[in-house]
PDB file of N, CA and C in Angstrom:
ATOM      1  N   SER A   1      12.735   0.919  13.867  1.00  0.00           N
ATOM      2  CA  SER A   1      13.715   1.572  14.716  1.00  0.00           C
ATOM      3  C   SER A   1      15.123   1.445  14.001  1.00  0.00           C
ATOM      4  N   HIS A   2      15.945   2.395  14.360  1.00  0.00           N
ATOM      5  CA  HIS A   2      17.245   2.316  13.754  1.00  0.00           C
ATOM      6  C   HIS A   2      18.284   2.701  14.917  1.00  0.00           C
ATOM      7  N   SER A   3      18.893   1.591  15.477  1.00  0.00           N
ATOM      8  CA  SER A   3      19.815   1.792  16.579  1.00  0.00           C
ATOM      9  C   SER A   3      21.226   1.563  16.098  1.00  0.00           C
ATOM     10  N   GLU A   4      22.098   2.501  16.443  1.00  0.00           N
ATOM     11  CA  GLU A   4      23.503   2.460  16.000  1.00  0.00           C
ATOM     12  C   GLU A   4      24.304   3.094  17.130  1.00  0.00           C
ATOM     13  N   GLY A   5      25.399   2.474  17.357  1.00  0.00           N
ATOM     14  CA  GLY A   5      26.262   3.073  18.397  1.00  0.00           C
ATOM     15  C   GLY A   5      27.384   2.077  18.816  1.00  0.00           C
ATOM     16  N   VAL A   6      27.874   2.156  19.931  1.00  0.00           N
ATOM     17  CA  VAL A   6      28.887   1.410  20.499  1.00  0.00           C
ATOM     18  C   VAL A   6      28.423   0.772  21.775  1.00  0.00           C
ATOM     19  N   SER A   7      28.572  -0.626  21.937  1.00  0.00           N
ATOM     20  CA  SER A   7      28.035  -1.300  23.051  1.00  0.00           C
ATOM     21  C   SER A   7      28.974  -1.068  24.306  1.00  0.00           C
ATOM     22  N   LYS A   8      28.537  -1.618  25.409  1.00  0.00           N
ATOM     23  CA  LYS A   8      29.326  -1.473  26.706  1.00  0.00           C
ATOM     24  C   LYS A   8      30.626  -2.080  26.579  1.00  0.00           C
ATOM     25  N   THR A   9      30.761  -3.183  25.724  1.00  0.00           N
ATOM     26  CA  THR A   9      31.962  -3.902  25.505  1.00  0.00           C
ATOM     27  C   THR A   9      32.941  -3.165  24.520  1.00  0.00           C
ATOM     28  N   GLY A  10      32.374  -2.079  23.891  1.00  0.00           N
ATOM     29  CA  GLY A  10      33.227  -1.416  22.858  1.00  0.00           C
ATOM     30  C   GLY A  10      32.893  -1.831  21.435  1.00  0.00           C
ATOM     31  N   ALA A  11      32.089  -2.805  21.262  1.00  0.00           N
ATOM     32  CA  ALA A  11      31.775  -3.319  19.925  1.00  0.00           C
ATOM     33  C   ALA A  11      30.766  -2.397  19.282  1.00  0.00           C
ATOM     34  N   PRO A  12      30.943  -2.100  17.980  1.00  0.00           N
ATOM     35  CA  PRO A  12      29.964  -1.278  17.254  1.00  0.00           C
ATOM     36  C   PRO A  12      28.691  -2.163  17.063  1.00  0.00           C
ATOM     37  N   TYR A  13      27.582  -1.516  16.953  1.00  0.00           N
ATOM     38  CA  TYR A  13      26.343  -2.206  16.604  1.00  0.00           C
ATOM     39  C   TYR A  13      25.477  -1.391  15.677  1.00  0.00           C
ATOM     40  N   LEU A  14      24.693  -2.076  14.831  1.00  0.00           N
ATOM     41  CA  LEU A  14      23.717  -1.469  13.904  1.00  0.00           C
ATOM     42  C   LEU A  14      22.485  -2.369  13.859  1.00  0.00           C
ATOM     43  N   ILE A  15      21.393  -1.868  14.255  1.00  0.00           N
ATOM     44  CA  ILE A  15      20.168  -2.696  14.335  1.00  0.00           C
ATOM     45  C   ILE A  15      19.014  -1.898  13.620  1.00  0.00           C
ATOM     46  N   PRO A  16      18.866  -2.174  12.300  1.00  0.00           N
ATOM     47  CA  PRO A  16      17.738  -1.510  11.589  1.00  0.00           C
ATOM     48  C   PRO A  16      16.539  -2.473  11.493  1.00  0.00           C
ATOM     49  N   VAL A  17      15.456  -2.124  12.176  1.00  0.00           N
ATOM     50  CA  VAL A  17      14.309  -3.106  12.269  1.00  0.00           C
ATOM     51  C   VAL A  17      12.970  -2.259  12.085  1.00  0.00           C
ATOM     52  N   LEU A  18      12.149  -2.820  11.301  1.00  0.00           N
ATOM     53  CA  LEU A  18      10.773  -2.229  11.118  1.00  0.00           C
ATOM     54  C   LEU A  18       9.822  -3.130  11.937  1.00  0.00           C
ATOM     55  N   PHE A  19       8.808  -2.583  12.558  1.00  0.00           N
ATOM     56  CA  PHE A  19       7.814  -3.392  13.329  1.00  0.00           C
ATOM     57  C   PHE A  19       6.537  -3.296  12.439  1.00  0.00           C
ATOM     58  N   VAL A  20       6.168  -4.509  11.858  1.00  0.00           N
ATOM     59  CA  VAL A  20       5.174  -4.575  10.909  1.00  0.00           C
ATOM     60  C   VAL A  20       4.014  -5.289  11.496  1.00  0.00           C
ATOM     61  N   GLY A  21       2.771  -4.751  11.261  1.00  0.00           N
ATOM     62  CA  GLY A  21       1.549  -5.532  11.724  1.00  0.00           C
ATOM     63  C   GLY A  21       1.172  -6.531  10.750  1.00  0.00           C
ATOM     64  N   LYS A  22       0.866  -7.710  11.141  1.00  0.00           N
ATOM     65  CA  LYS A  22       0.386  -8.813  10.257  1.00  0.00           C
ATOM     66  C   LYS A  22      -0.799  -9.441  10.883  1.00  0.00           C
ATOM     67  N   PRO A  23      -1.652 -10.066  10.025  1.00  0.00           N
ATOM     68  CA  PRO A  23      -2.810 -10.717  10.669  1.00  0.00           C
ATOM     69  C   PRO A  23      -2.468 -11.940  11.493  1.00  0.00           C
ATOM     70  N   ILE A  24      -3.121 -12.093  12.547  1.00  0.00           N
ATOM     71  CA  ILE A  24      -2.980 -13.233  13.472  1.00  0.00           C
ATOM     72  C   ILE A  24      -3.504 -14.476  12.768  1.00  0.00           C
ATOM     73  N   ARG A  25      -2.728 -15.571  12.903  1.00  0.00           N
ATOM     74  CA  ARG A  25      -3.125 -16.844  12.161  1.00  0.00           C
ATOM     75  C   ARG A  25      -4.329 -17.409  12.869  1.00  0.00           C
ATOM     76  N   GLN A  26      -5.325 -17.727  12.048  1.00  0.00           N
ATOM     77  CA  GLN A  26      -6.497 -18.511  12.542  1.00  0.00           C
ATOM     78  C   GLN A  26      -6.263 -19.922  12.356  1.00  0.00           C
ATOM     79  N   TRP A  27      -6.947 -20.747  13.106  1.00  0.00           N
ATOM     80  CA  TRP A  27      -6.906 -22.192  12.858  1.00  0.00           C
ATOM     81  C   TRP A  27      -8.217 -22.824  13.256  1.00  0.00           C
ATOM     82  N   LYS A  28      -8.419 -24.029  12.674  1.00  0.00           N
ATOM     83  CA  LYS A  28      -9.623 -24.787  13.005  1.00  0.00           C
ATOM     84  C   LYS A  28      -9.307 -26.314  12.797  1.00  0.00           C
ATOM     85  N   ASN A  29      -9.648 -27.095  13.760  1.00  0.00           N
ATOM     86  CA  ASN A  29      -9.487 -28.516  13.534  1.00  0.00           C
ATOM     87  C   ASN A  29     -10.631 -29.248  14.243  1.00  0.00           C
ATOM     88  N   ASP A  30     -10.632 -30.616  14.407  1.00  0.00           N
ATOM     89  CA  ASP A  30     -11.747 -31.318  14.925  1.00  0.00           C
ATOM     90  C   ASP A  30     -11.868 -31.112  16.455  1.00  0.00           C
ATOM     91  N   LYS A  31     -10.811 -30.495  17.122  1.00  0.00           N
ATOM     92  CA  LYS A  31     -10.946 -30.217  18.562  1.00  0.00           C
ATOM     93  C   LYS A  31     -11.207 -28.785  18.946  1.00  0.00           C
ATOM     94  N   GLY A  32     -11.358 -27.902  17.910  1.00  0.00           N
ATOM     95  CA  GLY A  32     -11.642 -26.557  18.251  1.00  0.00           C
ATOM     96  C   GLY A  32     -11.261 -25.600  17.138  1.00  0.00           C
ATOM     97  N   GLN A  33     -11.350 -24.356  17.429  1.00  0.00           N
ATOM     98  CA  GLN A  33     -10.900 -23.348  16.515  1.00  0.00           C
ATOM     99  C   GLN A  33     -10.418 -22.077  17.201  1.00  0.00           C
ATOM    100  N   CYS A  34      -9.773 -21.250  16.481  1.00  0.00           N
ATOM    101  CA  CYS A  34      -9.329 -19.950  17.071  1.00  0.00           C
ATOM    102  C   CYS A  34      -9.670 -18.891  16.008  1.00  0.00           C
ATOM    103  N   LEU A  35     -10.635 -17.971  16.360  1.00  0.00           N
ATOM    104  CA  LEU A  35     -10.901 -16.797  15.596  1.00  0.00           C
ATOM    105  C   LEU A  35     -10.000 -15.645  16.089  1.00  0.00           C
ATOM    106  N   THR A  36      -9.429 -14.952  15.193  1.00  0.00           N
ATOM    107  CA  THR A  36      -8.479 -13.888  15.611  1.00  0.00           C
ATOM    108  C   THR A  36      -9.012 -12.561  15.184  1.00  0.00           C
ATOM    109  N   PHE A  37      -8.519 -11.510  15.927  1.00  0.00           N
ATOM    110  CA  PHE A  37      -8.985 -10.162  15.599  1.00  0.00           C
ATOM    111  C   PHE A  37      -7.683  -9.306  15.821  1.00  0.00           C
ATOM    112  N   GLY A  38      -7.535  -8.353  15.018  1.00  0.00           N
ATOM    113  CA  GLY A  38      -6.383  -7.496  15.162  1.00  0.00           C
ATOM    114  C   GLY A  38      -5.125  -7.898  14.518  1.00  0.00           C
ATOM    115  N   LEU A  39      -4.043  -7.391  14.866  1.00  0.00           N
ATOM    116  CA  LEU A  39      -2.755  -7.723  14.263  1.00  0.00           C
ATOM    117  C   LEU A  39      -1.701  -8.048  15.291  1.00  0.00           C
ATOM    118  N   GLN A  40      -0.766  -8.804  14.887  1.00  0.00           N
ATOM    119  CA  GLN A  40       0.436  -9.024  15.753  1.00  0.00           C
ATOM    120  C   GLN A  40       1.631  -8.388  15.075  1.00  0.00           C
ATOM    121  N   HIS A  41       2.636  -8.087  15.855  1.00  0.00           N
ATOM    122  CA  HIS A  41       3.787  -7.415  15.174  1.00  0.00           C
ATOM    123  C   HIS A  41       4.805  -8.472  14.800  1.00  0.00           C
ATOM    124  N   GLN A  42       5.541  -8.133  13.615  1.00  0.00           N
ATOM    125  CA  GLN A  42       6.633  -8.925  13.192  1.00  0.00           C
ATOM    126  C   GLN A  42       7.787  -8.015  12.974  1.00  0.00           C
ATOM    127  N   GLU A  43       8.893  -8.428  13.410  1.00  0.00           N
ATOM    128  CA  GLU A  43      10.082  -7.553  13.157  1.00  0.00           C
ATOM    129  C   GLU A  43      10.766  -7.955  11.768  1.00  0.00           C
ATOM    130  N   VAL A  44      10.953  -6.932  10.926  1.00  0.00           N
ATOM    131  CA  VAL A  44      11.603  -7.076   9.624  1.00  0.00           C
ATOM    132  C   VAL A  44      12.712  -6.211   9.503  1.00  0.00           C
ATOM    133  N   LYS A  45      13.955  -6.760   9.148  1.00  0.00           N
ATOM    134  CA  LYS A  45      15.123  -6.039   9.014  1.00  0.00           C
ATOM    135  C   LYS A  45      15.117  -5.243   7.659  1.00  0.00           C
ATOM    136  N   PHE A  46      15.761  -4.072   7.721  1.00  0.00           N
ATOM    137  CA  PHE A  46      15.893  -3.326   6.523  1.00  0.00           C
ATOM    138  C   PHE A  46      17.389  -2.886   6.237  1.00  0.00           C
ATOM    139  N   VAL A  47      17.665  -2.610   5.020  1.00  0.00           N
ATOM    140  CA  VAL A  47      19.034  -2.190   4.737  1.00  0.00           C
ATOM    141  C   VAL A  47      19.191  -0.706   5.076  1.00  0.00           C
ATOM    142  N   SER A  48      20.154  -0.488   6.007  1.00  0.00           N
ATOM    143  CA  SER A  48      20.360   0.808   6.572  1.00  0.00           C
ATOM    144  C   SER A  48      21.068   1.735   5.521  1.00  0.00           C
ATOM    145  N   SER A  49      20.533   2.897   5.379  1.00  0.00           N
ATOM    146  CA  SER A  49      21.196   3.930   4.503  1.00  0.00           C
ATOM    147  C   SER A  49      20.606   5.246   4.941  1.00  0.00           C
ATOM    148  N   ASP A  50      21.346   6.338   4.630  1.00  0.00           N
ATOM    149  CA  ASP A  50      20.869   7.636   4.998  1.00  0.00           C
ATOM    150  C   ASP A  50      19.534   7.954   4.381  1.00  0.00           C
ATOM    151  N   ALA A  51      19.377   7.524   3.066  1.00  0.00           N
ATOM    152  CA  ALA A  51      18.096   7.766   2.330  1.00  0.00           C
ATOM    153  C   ALA A  51      16.946   7.085   3.002  1.00  0.00           C
ATOM    154  N   MET A  52      17.161   5.864   3.413  1.00  0.00           N
ATOM    155  CA  MET A  52      16.029   5.076   3.994  1.00  0.00           C
ATOM    156  C   MET A  52      15.712   5.708   5.405  1.00  0.00           C
ATOM    157  N   THR A  53      16.681   6.096   6.157  1.00  0.00           N
ATOM    158  CA  THR A  53      16.439   6.713   7.419  1.00  0.00           C
ATOM    159  C   THR A  53      15.615   8.085   7.304  1.00  0.00           C
ATOM    160  N   ARG A  54      16.024   8.883   6.296  1.00  0.00           N
ATOM    161  CA  ARG A  54      15.286  10.134   6.007  1.00  0.00           C
ATOM    162  C   ARG A  54      13.889   9.796   5.658  1.00  0.00           C
ATOM    163  N   LYS A  55      13.684   8.796   4.775  1.00  0.00           N
ATOM    164  CA  LYS A  55      12.348   8.419   4.367  1.00  0.00           C
ATOM    165  C   LYS A  55      11.469   8.003   5.493  1.00  0.00           C
ATOM    166  N   LEU A  56      12.070   7.191   6.395  1.00  0.00           N
ATOM    167  CA  LEU A  56      11.319   6.714   7.553  1.00  0.00           C
ATOM    168  C   LEU A  56      10.941   7.915   8.531  1.00  0.00           C
ATOM    169  N   GLU A  57      11.915   8.791   8.645  1.00  0.00           N
ATOM    170  CA  GLU A  57      11.673   9.975   9.492  1.00  0.00           C
ATOM    171  C   GLU A  57      10.556  10.906   8.975  1.00  0.00           C
ATOM    172  N   GLN A  58      10.410  10.902   7.604  1.00  0.00           N
ATOM    173  CA  GLN A  58       9.455  11.739   6.994  1.00  0.00           C
ATOM    174  C   GLN A  58       8.052  11.044   6.848  1.00  0.00           C
ATOM    175  N   THR A  59       7.889   9.822   7.191  1.00  0.00           N
ATOM    176  CA  THR A  59       6.635   9.133   6.985  1.00  0.00           C
ATOM    177  C   THR A  59       5.821   9.333   8.189  1.00  0.00           C
ATOM    178  N   ALA A  60       4.538   9.587   7.989  1.00  0.00           N
ATOM    179  CA  ALA A  60       3.559   9.789   9.064  1.00  0.00           C
ATOM    180  C   ALA A  60       2.909   8.496   9.400  1.00  0.00           C
ATOM    181  N   PHE A  61       3.578   7.758  10.286  1.00  0.00           N
ATOM    182  CA  PHE A  61       3.003   6.407  10.709  1.00  0.00           C
ATOM    183  C   PHE A  61       1.788   6.603  11.525  1.00  0.00           C
ATOM    184  N   PRO A  62       0.951   5.563  11.596  1.00  0.00           N
ATOM    185  CA  PRO A  62       0.993   4.302  10.894  1.00  0.00           C
ATOM    186  C   PRO A  62       0.536   4.465   9.447  1.00  0.00           C
ATOM    187  N   VAL A  63       1.120   3.589   8.618  1.00  0.00           N
ATOM    188  CA  VAL A  63       0.861   3.559   7.234  1.00  0.00           C
ATOM    189  C   VAL A  63       0.690   2.171   6.679  1.00  0.00           C
ATOM    190  N   LEU A  64       0.028   2.027   5.554  1.00  0.00           N
ATOM    191  CA  LEU A  64      -0.021   0.792   4.785  1.00  0.00           C
ATOM    192  C   LEU A  64       0.935   0.974   3.655  1.00  0.00           C
ATOM    193  N   VAL A  65       1.841  -0.028   3.555  1.00  0.00           N
ATOM    194  CA  VAL A  65       2.924   0.127   2.493  1.00  0.00           C
ATOM    195  C   VAL A  65       3.058  -1.120   1.714  1.00  0.00           C
ATOM    196  N   THR A  66       3.833  -1.016   0.562  1.00  0.00           N
ATOM    197  CA  THR A  66       4.294  -2.155  -0.144  1.00  0.00           C
ATOM    198  C   THR A  66       5.831  -2.109  -0.007  1.00  0.00           C
ATOM    199  N   PHE A  67       6.481  -3.266   0.205  1.00  0.00           N
ATOM    200  CA  PHE A  67       7.833  -3.304   0.403  1.00  0.00           C
ATOM    201  C   PHE A  67       8.592  -3.726  -0.858  1.00  0.00           C
ATOM    202  N   ASP A  68       9.859  -3.234  -1.081  1.00  0.00           N
ATOM    203  CA  ASP A  68      10.788  -3.757  -2.031  1.00  0.00           C
ATOM    204  C   ASP A  68      11.785  -4.505  -1.246  1.00  0.00           C
ATOM    205  N   ASN A  69      12.010  -5.734  -1.614  1.00  0.00           N
ATOM    206  CA  ASN A  69      12.888  -6.573  -0.807  1.00  0.00           C
ATOM    207  C   ASN A  69      13.994  -7.090  -1.630  1.00  0.00           C
ATOM    208  N   GLU A  70      15.079  -7.580  -0.945  1.00  0.00           N
ATOM    209  CA  GLU A  70      16.178  -8.350  -1.548  1.00  0.00           C
ATOM    210  C   GLU A  70      16.586  -9.411  -0.546  1.00  0.00           C
ATOM    211  N   PRO A  71      17.148 -10.574  -1.057  1.00  0.00           N
ATOM    212  CA  PRO A  71      17.495 -11.630  -0.097  1.00  0.00           C
ATOM    213  C   PRO A  71      18.556 -11.132   0.813  1.00  0.00           C
ATOM    214  N   ASP A  72      18.477 -11.591   2.101  1.00  0.00           N
ATOM    215  CA  ASP A  72      19.479 -11.250   3.078  1.00  0.00           C
ATOM    216  C   ASP A  72      20.752 -12.045   2.763  1.00  0.00           C
ATOM    217  N   PRO A  73      21.923 -11.436   2.533  1.00  0.00           N
ATOM    218  CA  PRO A  73      23.098 -12.154   2.151  1.00  0.00           C
ATOM    219  C   PRO A  73      23.541 -13.128   3.208  1.00  0.00           C
ATOM    220  N   GLU A  74      23.212 -12.807   4.570  1.00  0.00           N
ATOM    221  CA  GLU A  74      23.555 -13.722   5.588  1.00  0.00           C
ATOM    222  C   GLU A  74      22.549 -14.855   5.833  1.00  0.00           C
ATOM    223  N   ASP A  75      21.351 -14.724   5.250  1.00  0.00           N
ATOM    224  CA  ASP A  75      20.307 -15.761   5.308  1.00  0.00           C
ATOM    225  C   ASP A  75      19.349 -15.650   4.153  1.00  0.00           C
ATOM    226  N   PRO A  76      19.782 -16.326   2.998  1.00  0.00           N
ATOM    227  CA  PRO A  76      18.913 -16.089   1.830  1.00  0.00           C
ATOM    228  C   PRO A  76      17.471 -16.564   1.903  1.00  0.00           C
ATOM    229  N   SER A  77      17.080 -17.259   3.010  1.00  0.00           N
ATOM    230  CA  SER A  77      15.719 -17.613   3.190  1.00  0.00           C
ATOM    231  C   SER A  77      14.871 -16.527   3.747  1.00  0.00           C
ATOM    232  N   ARG A  78      15.565 -15.404   4.124  1.00  0.00           N
ATOM    233  CA  ARG A  78      14.874 -14.202   4.640  1.00  0.00           C
ATOM    234  C   ARG A  78      15.185 -12.998   3.673  1.00  0.00           C
ATOM    235  N   ASN A  79      14.241 -12.057   3.732  1.00  0.00           N
ATOM    236  CA  ASN A  79      14.354 -10.891   2.909  1.00  0.00           C
ATOM    237  C   ASN A  79      14.727  -9.672   3.790  1.00  0.00           C
ATOM    238  N   LEU A  80      15.366  -8.728   3.178  1.00  0.00           N
ATOM    239  CA  LEU A  80      15.606  -7.404   3.745  1.00  0.00           C
ATOM    240  C   LEU A  80      14.833  -6.346   3.004  1.00  0.00           C
ATOM    241  N   VAL A  81      14.196  -5.397   3.640  1.00  0.00           N
ATOM    242  CA  VAL A  81      13.489  -4.293   3.016  1.00  0.00           C
ATOM    243  C   VAL A  81      14.556  -3.288   2.491  1.00  0.00           C
ATOM    244  N   ILE A  82      14.449  -2.982   1.270  1.00  0.00           N
ATOM    245  CA  ILE A  82      15.364  -1.916   0.694  1.00  0.00           C
ATOM    246  C   ILE A  82      14.639  -0.653   0.417  1.00  0.00           C
ATOM    247  N   ASP A  83      13.372  -0.649   0.364  1.00  0.00           N
ATOM    248  CA  ASP A  83      12.554   0.487   0.104  1.00  0.00           C
ATOM    249  C   ASP A  83      11.120   0.171   0.338  1.00  0.00           C
ATOM    250  N   TYR A  84      10.290   1.196   0.390  1.00  0.00           N
ATOM    251  CA  TYR A  84       8.850   0.905   0.541  1.00  0.00           C
ATOM    252  C   TYR A  84       8.094   2.148  -0.118  1.00  0.00           C
ATOM    253  N   GLN A  85       6.810   1.892  -0.475  1.00  0.00           N
ATOM    254  CA  GLN A  85       5.886   2.927  -1.021  1.00  0.00           C
ATOM    255  C   GLN A  85       4.713   2.913  -0.149  1.00  0.00           C
ATOM    256  N   VAL A  86       4.404   4.115   0.261  1.00  0.00           N
ATOM    257  CA  VAL A  86       3.205   4.330   1.104  1.00  0.00           C
ATOM    258  C   VAL A  86       1.929   4.202   0.263  1.00  0.00           C
ATOM    259  N   VAL A  87       1.064   3.287   0.524  1.00  0.00           N
ATOM    260  CA  VAL A  87      -0.178   3.145  -0.102  1.00  0.00           C
ATOM    261  C   VAL A  87      -1.190   4.182   0.436  1.00  0.00           C
ATOM    262  N   CYS A  88      -1.294   4.226   1.787  1.00  0.00           N
ATOM    263  CA  CYS A  88      -2.092   5.271   2.522  1.00  0.00           C
ATOM    264  C   CYS A  88      -1.605   5.357   3.918  1.00  0.00           C
ATOM    265  N   SER A  89      -1.905   6.536   4.542  1.00  0.00           N
ATOM    266  CA  SER A  89      -1.610   6.800   5.970  1.00  0.00           C
ATOM    267  C   SER A  89      -2.928   6.862   6.740  1.00  0.00           C
ATOM    268  N   LEU A  90      -2.770   6.648   7.966  1.00  0.00           N
ATOM    269  CA  LEU A  90      -3.960   6.805   8.826  1.00  0.00           C
ATOM    270  C   LEU A  90      -4.488   8.255   8.780  1.00  0.00           C
ATOM    271  N   PHE A  91      -3.573   9.175   8.447  1.00  0.00           N
ATOM    272  CA  PHE A  91      -3.944  10.534   8.350  1.00  0.00           C
ATOM    273  C   PHE A  91      -4.410  10.995   6.971  1.00  0.00           C
ATOM    274  N   ASP A  92      -4.479  10.096   6.021  1.00  0.00           N
ATOM    275  CA  ASP A  92      -5.108  10.341   4.702  1.00  0.00           C
ATOM    276  C   ASP A  92      -6.547  10.153   4.807  1.00  0.00           C
ATOM    277  N   ASN A  93      -7.176  10.506   3.734  1.00  0.00           N
ATOM    278  CA  ASN A  93      -8.585  10.122   3.586  1.00  0.00           C
ATOM    279  C   ASN A  93      -8.673   8.629   3.413  1.00  0.00           C
ATOM    280  N   VAL A  94      -9.579   7.989   4.129  1.00  0.00           N
ATOM    281  CA  VAL A  94      -9.784   6.621   3.950  1.00  0.00           C
ATOM    282  C   VAL A  94     -10.542   6.231   2.763  1.00  0.00           C
ATOM    283  N   PRO A  95     -10.459   5.051   2.197  1.00  0.00           N
ATOM    284  CA  PRO A  95     -11.261   4.713   1.047  1.00  0.00           C
ATOM    285  C   PRO A  95     -12.776   5.016   1.293  1.00  0.00           C
ATOM    286  N   GLY A  96     -13.373   5.597   0.372  1.00  0.00           N
ATOM    287  CA  GLY A  96     -14.755   6.079   0.516  1.00  0.00           C
ATOM    288  C   GLY A  96     -14.900   7.542   0.775  1.00  0.00           C
ATOM    289  N   GLY A  97     -13.651   8.180   0.963  1.00  0.00           N
ATOM    290  CA  GLY A  97     -13.612   9.668   1.034  1.00  0.00           C
ATOM    291  C   GLY A  97     -13.918  10.305   2.380  1.00  0.00           C
ATOM    292  N   LYS A  98     -14.017   9.513   3.528  1.00  0.00           N
ATOM    293  CA  LYS A  98     -14.270  10.028   4.766  1.00  0.00           C
ATOM    294  C   LYS A  98     -12.961  10.288   5.553  1.00  0.00           C
ATOM    295  N   PRO A  99     -12.572  11.487   5.786  1.00  0.00           N
ATOM    296  CA  PRO A  99     -11.323  11.738   6.474  1.00  0.00           C
ATOM    297  C   PRO A  99     -11.426  11.252   7.966  1.00  0.00           C
ATOM    298  N   LEU A 100     -10.309  10.658   8.437  1.00  0.00           N
ATOM    299  CA  LEU A 100     -10.253  10.126   9.732  1.00  0.00           C
ATOM    300  C   LEU A 100     -10.234  11.085  10.861  1.00  0.00           C
ATOM    301  N   ASP A 101      -9.840  12.350  10.570  1.00  0.00           N
ATOM    302  CA  ASP A 101      -9.690  13.338  11.602  1.00  0.00           C
ATOM    303  C   ASP A 101     -11.051  14.054  12.031  1.00  0.00           C
ATOM    304  N   LYS A 102     -12.094  13.560  11.371  1.00  0.00           N
ATOM    305  CA  LYS A 102     -13.444  14.134  11.673  1.00  0.00           C
ATOM    306  C   LYS A 102     -14.284  12.988  12.192  1.00  0.00           C
ATOM    307  N   PRO A 103     -14.437  12.838  13.524  1.00  0.00           N
ATOM    308  CA  PRO A 103     -15.247  11.750  14.078  1.00  0.00           C
ATOM    309  C   PRO A 103     -16.669  11.830  13.704  1.00  0.00           C
ATOM    310  N   ASN A 104     -17.407  10.741  13.546  1.00  0.00           N
ATOM    311  CA  ASN A 104     -18.804  10.670  13.286  1.00  0.00           C
ATOM    312  C   ASN A 104     -19.545  11.059  14.559  1.00  0.00           C
ATOM    313  N   LYS A 105     -20.728  11.774  14.355  1.00  0.00           N
ATOM    314  CA  LYS A 105     -21.544  12.047  15.498  1.00  0.00           C
ATOM    315  C   LYS A 105     -22.255  10.832  15.846  1.00  0.00           C
ATOM    316  N   ILE A 106     -22.496  10.609  17.131  1.00  0.00           N
ATOM    317  CA  ILE A 106     -23.228   9.457  17.650  1.00  0.00           C
ATOM    318  C   ILE A 106     -24.627   9.827  17.891  1.00  0.00           C
TER     319      ILE A 106
END
Protein backbone atom coordinates (compact mmCIF):
# COMPACT_ATOMS: atom_id res chain seq x y z
CA SER A 1 0.00 0.00 0.00
CA HIS A 2 1.09 3.57 -0.54
CA SER A 3 -0.63 6.09 1.72
CA GLU A 4 0.18 9.76 1.38
CA GLY A 5 -1.67 12.82 2.56
CA VAL A 6 -2.27 15.19 5.44
CA SER A 7 -3.36 13.94 8.87
CA LYS A 8 -6.19 15.38 10.98
CA THR A 9 -3.56 17.39 12.86
CA GLY A 10 -2.25 18.88 9.61
CA ALA A 11 0.98 16.88 9.56
CA PRO A 12 1.96 15.33 6.24
CA TYR A 13 2.38 11.56 6.12
CA LEU A 14 3.86 9.01 3.74
CA ILE A 15 3.50 5.29 4.47
CA PRO A 16 4.90 2.99 1.74
CA VAL A 17 4.42 -0.64 2.86
CA LEU A 18 4.42 -3.99 1.07
CA PHE A 19 2.58 -6.92 2.63
CA VAL A 20 4.74 -9.99 2.04
CA GLY A 21 3.84 -13.62 2.70
CA LYS A 22 6.48 -15.57 4.58
CA PRO A 23 6.50 -19.12 5.93
CA ILE A 24 5.24 -19.54 9.48
CA ARG A 25 8.00 -20.62 11.87
CA GLN A 26 7.83 -24.23 12.96
CA TRP A 27 9.27 -25.40 16.25
CA LYS A 28 9.96 -28.59 18.12
CA ASN A 29 11.25 -29.25 21.62
CA ASP A 30 10.97 -31.93 24.31
CA LYS A 31 7.50 -30.64 25.33
CA GLY A 32 5.90 -30.59 21.88
CA GLN A 33 6.01 -29.29 18.38
CA CYS A 34 4.23 -26.96 16.01
CA LEU A 35 3.68 -27.92 12.39
CA THR A 36 2.73 -24.94 10.27
CA PHE A 37 0.83 -24.55 7.03
CA GLY A 38 0.41 -21.51 4.84
CA LEU A 39 1.94 -18.08 5.16
CA GLN A 40 1.83 -15.16 7.55
CA HIS A 41 2.16 -11.58 6.40
CA GLN A 42 5.09 -9.36 7.14
CA GLU A 43 5.11 -5.63 6.49
CA VAL A 44 8.15 -4.42 4.54
CA LYS A 45 8.79 -0.74 3.87
CA PHE A 46 9.78 0.41 0.41
CA VAL A 47 11.37 3.57 -0.96
CA SER A 48 8.56 5.69 -2.36
CA SER A 49 9.00 6.95 -5.92
CA ASP A 50 6.77 7.54 -8.92
CA ALA A 51 8.53 4.70 -10.78
CA MET A 52 7.99 2.22 -7.91
CA THR A 53 4.32 3.22 -7.57
CA ARG A 54 3.75 2.75 -11.33
CA LYS A 55 5.48 -0.64 -11.23
CA LEU A 56 3.32 -1.77 -8.30
CA GLU A 57 0.15 -0.56 -10.06
CA GLN A 58 1.08 -2.55 -13.18
CA THR A 59 1.91 -5.80 -11.36
CA ALA A 60 -0.76 -8.53 -11.39
CA PHE A 61 -0.67 -9.64 -7.75
CA PRO A 62 -0.21 -12.15 -6.17
CA VAL A 63 3.35 -12.66 -7.39
CA LEU A 64 6.57 -14.34 -6.36
CA VAL A 65 9.35 -11.75 -6.45
CA THR A 66 12.96 -11.12 -5.62
CA PHE A 67 13.65 -7.83 -3.85
CA ASP A 68 16.47 -5.34 -4.27
CA ASN A 69 17.15 -3.79 -0.85
CA GLU A 70 19.18 -1.06 0.74
CA PRO A 71 19.72 -0.32 4.45
CA ASP A 72 17.11 1.92 6.06
CA PRO A 73 18.98 5.16 6.93
CA GLU A 74 16.81 5.53 10.05
CA ASP A 75 17.46 1.93 11.18
CA PRO A 76 20.43 0.22 9.47
CA SER A 77 19.40 -3.14 10.98
CA ARG A 78 16.39 -3.11 8.62
CA ASN A 79 16.20 -2.99 4.84
CA LEU A 80 14.04 -0.95 2.50
CA VAL A 81 12.87 -2.39 -0.80
CA ILE A 82 14.10 -0.23 -3.69
CA ASP A 83 12.94 -2.48 -6.54
CA TYR A 84 11.68 -5.97 -7.30
CA GLN A 85 11.67 -8.48 -10.13
CA VAL A 86 8.66 -10.70 -10.72
CA VAL A 87 9.64 -14.38 -10.84
CA CYS A 88 6.09 -15.50 -11.64
CA SER A 89 2.50 -14.43 -11.12
CA LEU A 90 -0.46 -16.53 -10.07
CA PHE A 91 -1.80 -15.70 -13.52
CA ASP A 92 1.25 -17.11 -15.34
CA ASN A 93 1.70 -20.72 -16.24
CA VAL A 94 2.82 -22.58 -13.16
CA PRO A 95 6.01 -24.67 -13.28
CA GLY A 96 5.19 -27.82 -15.21
CA GLY A 97 3.25 -25.94 -17.87
CA LYS A 98 -0.28 -26.16 -16.45
CA PRO A 99 -2.07 -22.79 -16.57
CA LEU A 100 -3.88 -21.86 -13.37
CA ASP A 101 -6.92 -20.47 -15.18
CA LYS A 102 -8.01 -23.94 -16.33
CA PRO A 103 -9.26 -26.00 -13.38
CA ASN A 104 -8.68 -29.75 -13.45
CA LYS A 105 -11.74 -31.95 -13.92
CA ILE A 106 -12.65 -34.04 -10.90
